[in-house]
C-alpha atoms as a PDB file:
ATOM      1  CA  MET A   1       8.288 -16.883  11.818  1.00  0.00           C
ATOM      2  CA  GLU A   2       7.115 -15.143   8.690  1.00  0.00           C
ATOM      3  CA  SER A   3       7.054 -11.383   8.589  1.00  0.00           C
ATOM      4  CA  TYR A   4       4.758  -8.897   6.979  1.00  0.00           C
ATOM      5  CA  ARG A   5       5.593  -7.770   3.449  1.00  0.00           C
ATOM      6  CA  LEU A   6       4.703  -4.722   1.379  1.00  0.00           C
ATOM      7  CA  TRP A   7       3.573  -5.283  -2.200  1.00  0.00           C
ATOM      8  CA  GLY A   8       3.996  -2.312  -4.523  1.00  0.00           C
ATOM      9  CA  ARG A   9       2.512  -2.041  -8.008  1.00  0.00           C
ATOM     10  CA  ILE A  10       2.920   0.576 -10.726  1.00  0.00           C
ATOM     11  CA  ILE A  11      -0.342   0.850 -12.667  1.00  0.00           C
ATOM     12  CA  ARG A  12      -0.162   2.112 -16.238  1.00  0.00           C
ATOM     13  CA  HIS A  13      -3.203   2.010 -18.565  1.00  0.00           C
ATOM     14  CA  HIS A  14      -5.152  -0.038 -15.972  1.00  0.00           C
ATOM     15  CA  ARG A  15      -2.529  -2.816 -15.982  1.00  0.00           C
ATOM     16  CA  ILE A  16       0.287  -3.727 -13.613  1.00  0.00           C
ATOM     17  CA  ALA A  17       3.449  -2.426 -15.298  1.00  0.00           C
ATOM     18  CA  LYS A  18       5.838  -3.213 -12.409  1.00  0.00           C
ATOM     19  CA  SER A  19       5.480  -5.199  -9.227  1.00  0.00           C
ATOM     20  CA  GLU A  20       7.820  -5.599  -6.232  1.00  0.00           C
ATOM     21  CA  THR A  21       7.506  -7.134  -2.771  1.00  0.00           C
ATOM     22  CA  VAL A  22       9.731  -6.102   0.150  1.00  0.00           C
ATOM     23  CA  PRO A  23       9.761  -7.214   3.795  1.00  0.00           C
ATOM     24  CA  ILE A  24       8.482  -4.855   6.477  1.00  0.00           C
ATOM     25  CA  GLU A  25      11.314  -5.250   8.977  1.00  0.00           C
ATOM     26  CA  GLY A  26      10.557  -4.408  12.587  1.00  0.00           C
ATOM     27  CA  GLY A  27       7.208  -2.852  11.676  1.00  0.00           C
ATOM     28  CA  ASP A  28       8.948  -0.110   9.654  1.00  0.00           C
ATOM     29  CA  LEU A  29       6.286   0.515   7.001  1.00  0.00           C
ATOM     30  CA  GLU A  30       7.935   3.825   6.014  1.00  0.00           C
ATOM     31  CA  GLY A  31      11.234   2.058   5.319  1.00  0.00           C
ATOM     32  CA  ALA A  32       9.463  -0.567   3.196  1.00  0.00           C
ATOM     33  CA  LEU A  33       7.681   2.165   1.198  1.00  0.00           C
ATOM     34  CA  LEU A  34      11.005   3.913   0.602  1.00  0.00           C
ATOM     35  CA  GLU A  35      12.510   0.632  -0.630  1.00  0.00           C
ATOM     36  CA  ILE A  36       9.565   0.129  -3.028  1.00  0.00           C
ATOM     37  CA  CYS A  37      10.073   3.669  -4.369  1.00  0.00           C
ATOM     38  CA  ARG A  38      13.817   3.063  -4.756  1.00  0.00           C
ATOM     39  CA  ARG A  39      13.195  -0.129  -6.727  1.00  0.00           C
ATOM     40  CA  PHE A  40      10.695   1.644  -8.989  1.00  0.00           C
ATOM     41  CA  ASP A  41      12.994   4.694  -9.280  1.00  0.00           C
ATOM     42  CA  VAL A  42      10.261   7.130  -8.219  1.00  0.00           C
ATOM     43  CA  GLN A  43      10.236   9.734  -5.489  1.00  0.00           C
ATOM     44  CA  ARG A  44       8.425   9.061  -2.234  1.00  0.00           C
ATOM     45  CA  PRO A  45       4.795  10.203  -2.585  1.00  0.00           C
ATOM     46  CA  LEU A  46       3.111  12.562  -0.153  1.00  0.00           C
ATOM     47  CA  GLN A  47       1.644  10.649   2.792  1.00  0.00           C
ATOM     48  CA  LEU A  48      -1.773  12.058   3.675  1.00  0.00           C
ATOM     49  CA  PRO A  49      -4.128  11.074   6.528  1.00  0.00           C
ATOM     50  CA  LYS A  50      -6.309   9.353   3.891  1.00  0.00           C
ATOM     51  CA  HIS A  51      -3.467   6.948   3.093  1.00  0.00           C
ATOM     52  CA  GLU A  52      -2.948   6.124   6.762  1.00  0.00           C
ATOM     53  CA  ARG A  53      -6.690   5.484   7.256  1.00  0.00           C
ATOM     54  CA  ASP A  54      -6.843   3.248   4.164  1.00  0.00           C
ATOM     55  CA  LEU A  55      -3.813   1.235   5.303  1.00  0.00           C
ATOM     56  CA  GLU A  56      -5.273   0.800   8.774  1.00  0.00           C
ATOM     57  CA  ALA A  57      -8.757  -0.144   7.572  1.00  0.00           C
ATOM     58  CA  PHE A  58      -7.997  -2.134   4.421  1.00  0.00           C
ATOM     59  CA  GLY A  59      -4.269  -2.872   4.411  1.00  0.00           C
ATOM     60  CA  ARG A  60      -3.850  -1.069   1.096  1.00  0.00           C
ATOM     61  CA  THR A  61      -3.808   2.388  -0.456  1.00  0.00           C
ATOM     62  CA  PHE A  62      -2.759   4.113  -3.664  1.00  0.00           C
ATOM     63  CA  TYR A  63      -0.956   7.270  -4.730  1.00  0.00           C
ATOM     64  CA  SER A  64      -1.981   9.082  -7.922  1.00  0.00           C
ATOM     65  CA  ARG A  65      -0.343  11.920  -9.854  1.00  0.00           C
ATOM     66  CA  GLU A  66      -1.334  14.615  -7.346  1.00  0.00           C
ATOM     67  CA  HIS A  67       0.584  12.792  -4.585  1.00  0.00           C
ATOM     68  CA  PHE A  68       3.922  13.267  -6.356  1.00  0.00           C
ATOM     69  CA  THR A  69       5.763  16.594  -6.664  1.00  0.00           C
ATOM     70  CA  GLU A  70       7.577  15.469  -9.830  1.00  0.00           C
ATOM     71  CA  PRO A  71       5.887  14.256 -13.030  1.00  0.00           C
ATOM     72  CA  ILE A  72       5.284  10.506 -13.228  1.00  0.00           C
ATOM     73  CA  ASP A  73       4.692   8.350 -16.315  1.00  0.00           C
ATOM     74  CA  PHE A  74       2.078   6.056 -14.749  1.00  0.00           C
ATOM     75  CA  GLN A  75      -1.450   6.396 -13.373  1.00  0.00           C
ATOM     76  CA  LYS A  76      -0.896   5.279  -9.798  1.00  0.00           C
ATOM     77  CA  LEU A  77       1.310   3.497  -7.301  1.00  0.00           C
ATOM     78  CA  GLU A  78      -0.592   0.957  -5.228  1.00  0.00           C
ATOM     79  CA  ILE A  79       0.758  -0.576  -2.029  1.00  0.00           C
ATOM     80  CA  GLU A  80      -0.692  -3.435  -0.024  1.00  0.00           C
ATOM     81  CA  ILE A  81       0.393  -5.045   3.236  1.00  0.00           C
ATOM     82  CA  LEU A  82       0.686  -8.811   2.768  1.00  0.00           C
ATOM     83  CA  LEU A  83      -0.016 -10.814   5.908  1.00  0.00           C
ATOM     84  CA  PRO A  84       1.891 -13.965   6.885  1.00  0.00           C
ATOM     85  CA  GLU A  85       0.418 -17.269   5.674  1.00  0.00           C
ATOM     86  CA  GLY A  86      -2.690 -18.188   7.644  1.00  0.00           C
ATOM     87  CA  GLU A  87      -3.210 -14.783   9.264  1.00  0.00           C
ATOM     88  CA  LYS A  88      -6.477 -13.103   8.348  1.00  0.00           C
ATOM     89  CA  ARG A  89      -7.286  -9.428   8.126  1.00  0.00           C
ATOM     90  CA  PRO A  90     -10.248  -8.299  10.268  1.00  0.00           C
ATOM     91  CA  SER A  91     -13.309  -8.361   8.062  1.00  0.00           C
ATOM     92  CA  ALA A  92     -15.816  -5.553   7.678  1.00  0.00           C
ATOM     93  CA  ALA A  93     -18.392  -8.288   7.032  1.00  0.00           C
ATOM     94  CA  SER A  94     -18.429  -9.084  10.748  1.00  0.00           C
ATOM     95  CA  ARG A  95     -19.952  -5.676  11.489  1.00  0.00           C
ATOM     96  CA  ASN A  96     -23.657  -5.447  12.162  1.00  0.00           C
ATOM     97  CA  PRO A  97     -25.133  -2.546  10.148  1.00  0.00           C
ATOM     98  CA  LEU A  98     -28.059  -2.320  12.566  1.00  0.00           C
ATOM     99  CA  SER A  99     -25.745  -1.512  15.445  1.00  0.00           C
ATOM    100  CA  ASP A 100     -24.416   1.492  13.475  1.00  0.00           C
ATOM    101  CA  ALA A 101     -27.916   2.977  13.157  1.00  0.00           C
END
């Protein structure tokens, strides 16, 4: 059985400067984020409610300069949850805008 993975990307000048993928073992997203940060040799960014909402809704989020307490030499750190082969993320397209009115 395939497991979920976390894909981390360092973005510098609107291009991917570094990219790493780590497994999310036992649903430990925090541990996977720490491993991504260790591999990129950056401190763990501040985790705000916005990041949690983005991960829940879209399976991805990003951290910019204001989310780090030490200076960074890149524009942002993006993370994305990669689903196992064949599994689909719930789509916002299935929502009916008229039912929200």
